[in-house]
Amino acid sequence: MNFQQLRAVRETTRSGFNLTEVAGVLHTSQPGISRQIRELEDELGIDIFVRAGKRLTGLTPPGEAVLPIVERLLLESDNLKRVGEDFTAQDLGRLSLAATHSQARYALPMVVRDFRRVYPKVTLMLHQGSPKQVAEMLLSGEADIGVATEALAQYDSLVALPCYRWTHSIVVPPDHELLQVDGPITLEQLAQYPIVTYEAGYTGRAHIDDAFANAGLHPDIVLSAMDADVIKTYVELGMGVGIVASIAFDAERDRTLRALDARHLFEVNLTRLAIRRGTWLRGYVYAFIEAFAPTLTRPVVERALAGLIDAK
């Protein structure tokens, strides 16, 4: 048994049993992947994969039992490498971040800039995606840290730690009628206009939908997008009233728009930082986490990873 065989099994499952894709990921040949899988199966005395001719089509019941063990072995192998690197090259390495568009655009830039000043030899990789994609990148090992508002706490294999709370704002052109409303805007008033906001599953969209539904209202959402800058662009074009994260509006930068506080309309949102359970983190990763969320000190994160505090 060797790690190349274990990687062949893991990547075969991740690729949807496409051995050509696995061969590309592991930089070897398709026959080589097939041989490694068969040798491991022969050693274990079981079939890990269901076969239809020469094709692999799924996991057998023994394969379902084997896969989590394979994942743990490969994770611990990576952890061993990280331990060695942390003692031999404390300030040298890589840090892979996965975040939604809003987090990458508005919450992370200053943290990334300041981190680079302290750790100039650490290579940073920033991946963007939906909350689900962020979770999947963490689970696959593609990312070390994930930051998103929704979805991360739904995965048992992730430790999802609370970072900060935030609210929504309504954005409109400077001559919009809502700016003349006397007192706080109501959901009924807002629902009279076409709305431009986030896609389902992004940046607190569920709280927006819930607020209207609970009020018995059916807003006309004419356009939805992943990115607040896209939303603001279409508001500028007169397509509708925008609902964005408050952090996404800057009066100096967004001079062609005006913002109205919507914290009284929609539930407060919680951004979380997630790490895959069982992962051994290098020292500079703890430093980055604390820079992003000062309450998440190294002892707090270590206790959460050890299961000593509730990270949900």
Protein backbone atom coordinates (compact mmCIF):
# COMPACT_ATOMS: atom_id res chain seq x y z
CA MET A 1 0.00 0.00 0.00
CA ASN A 2 1.34 3.47 -0.87
CA PHE A 3 0.11 7.06 -0.98
CA GLN A 4 -0.07 7.11 -4.78
CA GLN A 5 -2.63 4.32 -4.63
CA LEU A 6 -4.62 6.22 -2.02
CA ARG A 7 -4.52 9.39 -4.13
CA ALA A 8 -5.73 7.41 -7.14
CA VAL A 9 -8.76 6.24 -5.14
CA ARG A 10 -9.53 9.70 -3.79
CA GLU A 11 -9.20 11.50 -7.11
CA THR A 12 -11.22 8.84 -8.93
CA THR A 13 -14.11 9.51 -6.59
CA ARG A 14 -13.75 13.28 -6.84
CA SER A 15 -13.64 13.21 -10.65
CA GLY A 16 -16.86 11.25 -10.97
CA PHE A 17 -14.91 8.07 -11.86
CA ASN A 18 -13.30 9.65 -14.94
CA LEU A 19 -9.86 8.04 -15.08
CA THR A 20 -8.66 10.33 -17.87
CA GLU A 21 -9.26 13.30 -15.60
CA VAL A 22 -7.59 11.53 -12.67
CA ALA A 23 -4.51 10.81 -14.78
CA GLY A 24 -4.23 14.51 -15.59
CA VAL A 25 -4.55 15.55 -11.95
CA LEU A 26 -1.93 13.02 -10.77
CA HIS A 27 0.35 13.51 -13.79
CA THR A 28 0.39 9.89 -14.83
CA SER A 29 -1.30 7.62 -17.38
CA GLN A 30 -4.79 6.16 -17.30
CA PRO A 31 -3.44 2.58 -17.32
CA GLY A 32 -1.21 3.58 -14.42
CA ILE A 33 -4.23 4.78 -12.41
CA SER A 34 -6.11 1.55 -13.16
CA ARG A 35 -3.12 -0.50 -12.05
CA GLN A 36 -2.72 1.41 -8.78
CA ILE A 37 -6.40 0.94 -7.94
CA ARG A 38 -6.33 -2.75 -8.79
CA GLU A 39 -3.15 -3.33 -6.75
CA LEU A 40 -4.75 -1.71 -3.71
CA GLU A 41 -7.93 -3.73 -4.17
CA ASP A 42 -5.89 -6.93 -4.43
CA GLU A 43 -3.97 -6.08 -1.27
CA LEU A 44 -7.17 -5.32 0.67
CA GLY A 45 -9.04 -8.26 -0.83
CA ILE A 46 -12.05 -6.16 -1.85
CA ASP A 47 -13.43 -4.28 -4.86
CA ILE A 48 -13.45 -0.56 -4.09
CA PHE A 49 -15.22 0.45 -7.30
CA VAL A 50 -18.18 -0.85 -9.26
CA ARG A 51 -17.19 -1.71 -12.83
CA ALA A 52 -19.10 -1.80 -16.12
CA GLY A 53 -16.60 -3.39 -18.47
CA LYS A 54 -13.47 -1.30 -18.16
CA ARG A 55 -15.29 1.71 -16.78
CA LEU A 56 -15.66 2.60 -13.11
CA THR A 57 -19.20 3.67 -12.30
CA GLY A 58 -19.39 3.99 -8.51
CA LEU A 59 -18.23 2.85 -5.10
CA THR A 60 -18.97 -0.61 -3.78
CA PRO A 61 -20.17 -0.98 -0.14
CA PRO A 62 -16.57 -1.81 0.91
CA GLY A 63 -15.45 1.19 -1.12
CA GLU A 64 -17.87 3.43 0.79
CA ALA A 65 -16.24 2.22 4.03
CA VAL A 66 -12.69 2.62 2.69
CA LEU A 67 -13.01 6.14 1.25
CA PRO A 68 -13.24 8.07 4.57
CA ILE A 69 -10.15 6.21 5.81
CA VAL A 70 -8.29 7.08 2.62
CA GLU A 71 -9.27 10.74 3.08
CA ARG A 72 -8.02 10.73 6.69
CA LEU A 73 -4.71 9.09 5.77
CA LEU A 74 -4.03 11.64 3.05
CA LEU A 75 -5.05 14.50 5.33
CA GLU A 76 -2.64 13.30 8.02
CA SER A 77 0.07 12.96 5.40
CA ASP A 78 -0.45 16.62 4.50
CA ASN A 79 -0.45 17.50 8.20
CA LEU A 80 2.93 15.83 8.66
CA LYS A 81 4.36 17.95 5.85
CA ARG A 82 2.93 21.11 7.40
CA VAL A 83 4.45 20.30 10.80
CA GLY A 84 7.88 19.85 9.24
CA GLU A 85 7.57 23.04 7.19
CA ASP A 86 6.46 25.03 10.21
CA PHE A 87 9.67 24.17 12.04
CA THR A 88 12.08 24.37 9.10
CA ALA A 89 10.62 27.41 7.27
CA GLN A 90 8.28 29.26 9.62
CA ASP A 91 7.66 32.26 7.36
CA LEU A 92 7.78 30.47 4.01
CA GLY A 93 4.90 28.63 2.36
CA ARG A 94 1.49 29.10 0.78
CA LEU A 95 -1.94 30.01 2.03
CA SER A 96 -4.99 29.21 -0.06
CA LEU A 97 -8.14 31.23 0.65
CA ALA A 98 -11.64 30.56 -0.68
CA ALA A 99 -14.28 33.26 -0.36
CA THR A 100 -17.47 34.54 -1.87
CA HIS A 101 -17.25 37.57 -4.15
CA SER A 102 -18.44 40.00 -1.48
CA GLN A 103 -15.91 38.76 1.09
CA ALA A 104 -13.07 38.78 -1.45
CA ARG A 105 -13.96 42.27 -2.67
CA TYR A 106 -14.84 44.08 0.55
CA ALA A 107 -13.81 42.16 3.69
CA LEU A 108 -10.46 40.61 2.79
CA PRO A 109 -8.34 43.20 0.88
CA MET A 110 -6.95 45.12 3.86
CA VAL A 111 -6.26 41.90 5.76
CA VAL A 112 -4.44 40.40 2.79
CA ARG A 113 -2.39 43.59 2.33
CA ASP A 114 -1.34 43.74 5.98
CA PHE A 115 -0.61 40.01 6.08
CA ARG A 116 1.70 40.30 3.09
CA ARG A 117 3.70 43.01 4.85
CA VAL A 118 4.36 40.71 7.81
CA TYR A 119 4.75 37.47 5.80
CA PRO A 120 6.23 38.49 2.42
CA LYS A 121 7.47 34.94 1.72
CA VAL A 122 4.02 33.36 1.99
CA THR A 123 2.32 32.94 -1.38
CA LEU A 124 -1.38 33.75 -1.21
CA MET A 125 -3.95 32.14 -3.49
CA LEU A 126 -7.47 33.57 -3.55
CA HIS A 127 -10.33 31.49 -4.98
CA GLN A 128 -13.83 32.91 -5.42
CA GLY A 129 -17.10 31.03 -5.60
CA SER A 130 -20.51 30.44 -4.13
CA PRO A 131 -20.78 29.43 -0.45
CA LYS A 132 -21.24 25.83 -1.59
CA GLN A 133 -18.15 26.03 -3.79
CA VAL A 134 -16.17 27.54 -0.91
CA ALA A 135 -17.17 24.58 1.26
CA GLU A 136 -16.25 22.11 -1.47
CA MET A 137 -12.81 23.71 -1.90
CA LEU A 138 -12.20 23.29 1.82
CA LEU A 139 -13.36 19.68 1.83
CA SER A 140 -11.17 18.79 -1.17
CA GLY A 141 -8.08 20.43 0.36
CA GLU A 142 -7.88 23.05 -2.39
CA ALA A 143 -8.33 25.80 0.19
CA ASP A 144 -6.95 26.15 3.72
CA ILE A 145 -9.46 28.78 4.88
CA GLY A 146 -12.96 29.58 3.66
CA VAL A 147 -14.95 32.76 4.28
CA ALA A 148 -18.66 33.08 3.52
CA THR A 149 -21.92 34.17 5.07
CA GLU A 150 -24.09 31.19 4.19
CA ALA A 151 -23.70 27.40 3.98
CA LEU A 152 -20.40 26.83 5.82
CA ALA A 153 -22.06 25.84 9.10
CA GLN A 154 -24.07 23.14 7.30
CA TYR A 155 -21.08 20.81 6.82
CA ASP A 156 -20.11 18.49 9.67
CA SER A 157 -16.60 18.08 8.23
CA LEU A 158 -15.93 21.80 8.62
CA VAL A 159 -15.28 23.89 11.71
CA ALA A 160 -17.18 27.12 10.97
CA LEU A 161 -16.28 29.97 13.33
CA PRO A 162 -18.25 33.22 13.64
CA CYS A 163 -16.34 36.31 12.51
CA TYR A 164 -18.56 39.37 12.31
CA ARG A 165 -22.18 40.43 11.88
CA TRP A 166 -23.41 42.77 9.18
CA THR A 167 -26.59 44.26 7.74
CA HIS A 168 -28.02 45.21 4.36
CA SER A 169 -28.44 48.62 2.75
CA ILE A 170 -30.80 49.84 0.05
CA VAL A 171 -29.03 51.64 -2.79
CA VAL A 172 -30.78 54.04 -5.17
CA PRO A 173 -29.93 56.84 -7.62
CA PRO A 174 -29.64 60.31 -6.00
CA ASP A 175 -33.06 61.44 -7.28
CA HIS A 176 -35.03 58.37 -6.18
CA GLU A 177 -38.40 58.75 -4.45
CA LEU A 178 -37.36 56.56 -1.50
CA LEU A 179 -34.93 59.27 -0.41
CA GLN A 180 -37.93 61.54 0.27
CA VAL A 181 -39.67 59.08 2.62
CA ASP A 182 -40.25 60.53 6.06
CA GLY A 183 -39.00 58.00 8.61
CA PRO A 184 -37.70 54.45 8.17
CA ILE A 185 -38.58 52.73 4.89
CA THR A 186 -41.03 49.85 5.19
CA LEU A 187 -41.03 46.57 3.30
CA GLU A 188 -44.34 47.59 1.73
CA GLN A 189 -42.77 50.76 0.32
CA LEU A 190 -39.71 48.86 -0.91
CA ALA A 191 -41.82 46.20 -2.62
CA GLN A 192 -43.42 48.86 -4.84
CA TYR A 193 -40.20 49.06 -6.87
CA PRO A 194 -38.31 46.54 -9.02
CA ILE A 195 -35.46 45.09 -7.00
CA VAL A 196 -31.89 44.16 -7.91
CA THR A 197 -30.08 42.00 -5.35
CA TYR A 198 -28.00 38.89 -4.72
CA GLU A 199 -28.56 35.44 -6.16
CA ALA A 200 -30.16 32.82 -3.94
CA GLY A 201 -27.57 31.39 -1.54
CA TYR A 202 -25.37 34.51 -1.56
CA THR A 203 -24.72 37.29 0.91
CA GLY A 204 -27.78 37.05 3.10
CA ARG A 205 -30.30 36.60 0.27
CA ALA A 206 -32.24 34.09 2.39
CA HIS A 207 -32.91 36.79 5.00
CA ILE A 208 -34.18 39.14 2.30
CA ASP A 209 -36.56 36.50 0.94
CA ASP A 210 -37.73 35.56 4.43
CA ALA A 211 -38.53 39.15 5.36
CA PHE A 212 -40.75 39.69 2.33
CA ALA A 213 -42.40 36.28 2.69
CA ASN A 214 -43.17 36.82 6.37
CA ALA A 215 -44.80 40.12 5.45
CA GLY A 216 -46.89 38.45 2.75
CA LEU A 217 -45.17 40.44 0.01
CA HIS A 218 -43.98 39.30 -3.41
CA PRO A 219 -41.25 41.68 -4.60
CA ASP A 220 -40.41 41.99 -8.28
CA ILE A 221 -36.76 40.91 -8.35
CA VAL A 222 -35.81 41.88 -11.88
CA LEU A 223 -32.14 40.88 -11.66
CA SER A 224 -29.94 38.93 -9.27
CA ALA A 225 -26.16 38.70 -9.22
CA MET A 226 -23.30 37.35 -7.12
CA ASP A 227 -21.41 40.62 -6.84
CA ALA A 228 -22.49 43.89 -5.24
CA ASP A 229 -20.60 45.93 -7.85
CA VAL A 230 -22.73 44.31 -10.56
CA ILE A 231 -25.89 45.07 -8.57
CA LYS A 232 -24.88 48.72 -8.16
CA THR A 233 -24.12 49.02 -11.87
CA TYR A 234 -27.66 48.02 -12.80
CA VAL A 235 -29.13 50.30 -10.16
CA GLU A 236 -27.19 53.16 -11.77
CA LEU A 237 -28.81 52.21 -15.09
CA GLY A 238 -32.24 52.62 -13.54
CA MET A 239 -33.27 48.95 -13.53
CA GLY A 240 -34.42 48.99 -9.94
CA VAL A 241 -33.67 49.49 -6.27
CA GLY A 242 -30.60 47.61 -5.02
CA ILE A 243 -30.24 45.62 -1.81
CA VAL A 244 -26.58 44.97 -0.94
CA ALA A 245 -24.38 44.28 2.05
CA SER A 246 -23.72 47.52 3.89
CA ILE A 247 -19.99 46.93 3.64
CA ALA A 248 -20.33 47.03 -0.15
CA PHE A 249 -21.34 50.70 -0.22
CA ASP A 250 -18.79 53.48 0.07
CA ALA A 251 -20.08 57.05 -0.23
CA GLU A 252 -16.82 58.30 -1.72
CA ARG A 253 -16.50 55.50 -4.25
CA ASP A 254 -20.21 55.19 -5.09
CA ARG A 255 -20.87 58.87 -5.74
CA THR A 256 -23.65 58.20 -8.24
CA LEU A 257 -25.71 56.31 -5.66
CA ARG A 258 -27.21 56.87 -2.24
CA ALA A 259 -27.60 54.31 0.56
CA LEU A 260 -30.46 53.81 3.00
CA ASP A 261 -30.09 51.74 6.15
CA ALA A 262 -32.07 48.49 5.95
CA ARG A 263 -31.06 46.86 9.23
CA HIS A 264 -34.62 47.23 10.54
CA LEU A 265 -36.00 45.32 7.53
CA PHE A 266 -33.79 42.25 7.26
CA GLU A 267 -32.25 39.93 9.84
CA VAL A 268 -28.62 40.51 10.78
CA ASN A 269 -26.19 38.25 8.89
CA LEU A 270 -23.21 36.33 10.23
CA THR A 271 -20.00 35.80 8.28
CA ARG A 272 -18.06 32.66 9.18
CA LEU A 273 -14.53 31.45 8.65
CA ALA A 274 -14.24 27.70 8.10
CA ILE A 275 -11.47 25.12 8.28
CA ARG A 276 -11.60 21.44 7.47
CA ARG A 277 -11.74 19.28 10.59
CA GLY A 278 -8.51 17.45 11.32
CA THR A 279 -6.32 19.97 9.51
CA TRP A 280 -3.05 20.99 11.13
CA LEU A 281 -2.57 24.73 10.61
CA ARG A 282 0.77 26.45 10.23
CA GLY A 283 1.62 29.43 12.44
CA TYR A 284 1.06 32.05 9.76
CA VAL A 285 -2.44 30.65 9.08
CA TYR A 286 -3.39 31.35 12.69
CA ALA A 287 -1.95 34.85 12.24
CA PHE A 288 -4.10 35.45 9.18
CA ILE A 289 -7.24 34.21 10.93
CA GLU A 290 -6.70 36.51 13.90
CA ALA A 291 -6.00 39.47 11.59
CA PHE A 292 -9.34 38.86 9.87
CA ALA A 293 -11.31 38.19 13.05
CA PRO A 294 -9.46 39.38 16.21
CA THR A 295 -11.68 37.25 18.47
CA LEU A 296 -10.40 34.11 16.72
CA THR A 297 -7.09 33.84 18.51
CA ARG A 298 -4.92 30.75 18.12
CA PRO A 299 -6.13 29.18 21.40
CA VAL A 300 -9.76 29.70 20.36
CA VAL A 301 -9.22 28.12 16.94
CA GLU A 302 -7.22 25.22 18.39
CA ARG A 303 -9.99 24.49 20.89
CA ALA A 304 -12.58 24.56 18.11
CA LEU A 305 -10.52 22.19 15.95
CA ALA A 306 -10.17 19.88 18.95
CA GLY A 307 -13.94 19.90 19.41
CA LEU A 308 -13.69 21.58 22.81
CA ILE A 309 -16.05 24.43 21.89
CA ASP A 310 -19.13 24.55 19.69
CA ALA A 311 -18.05 26.05 16.37
CA LYS A 312 -21.55 26.23 14.95
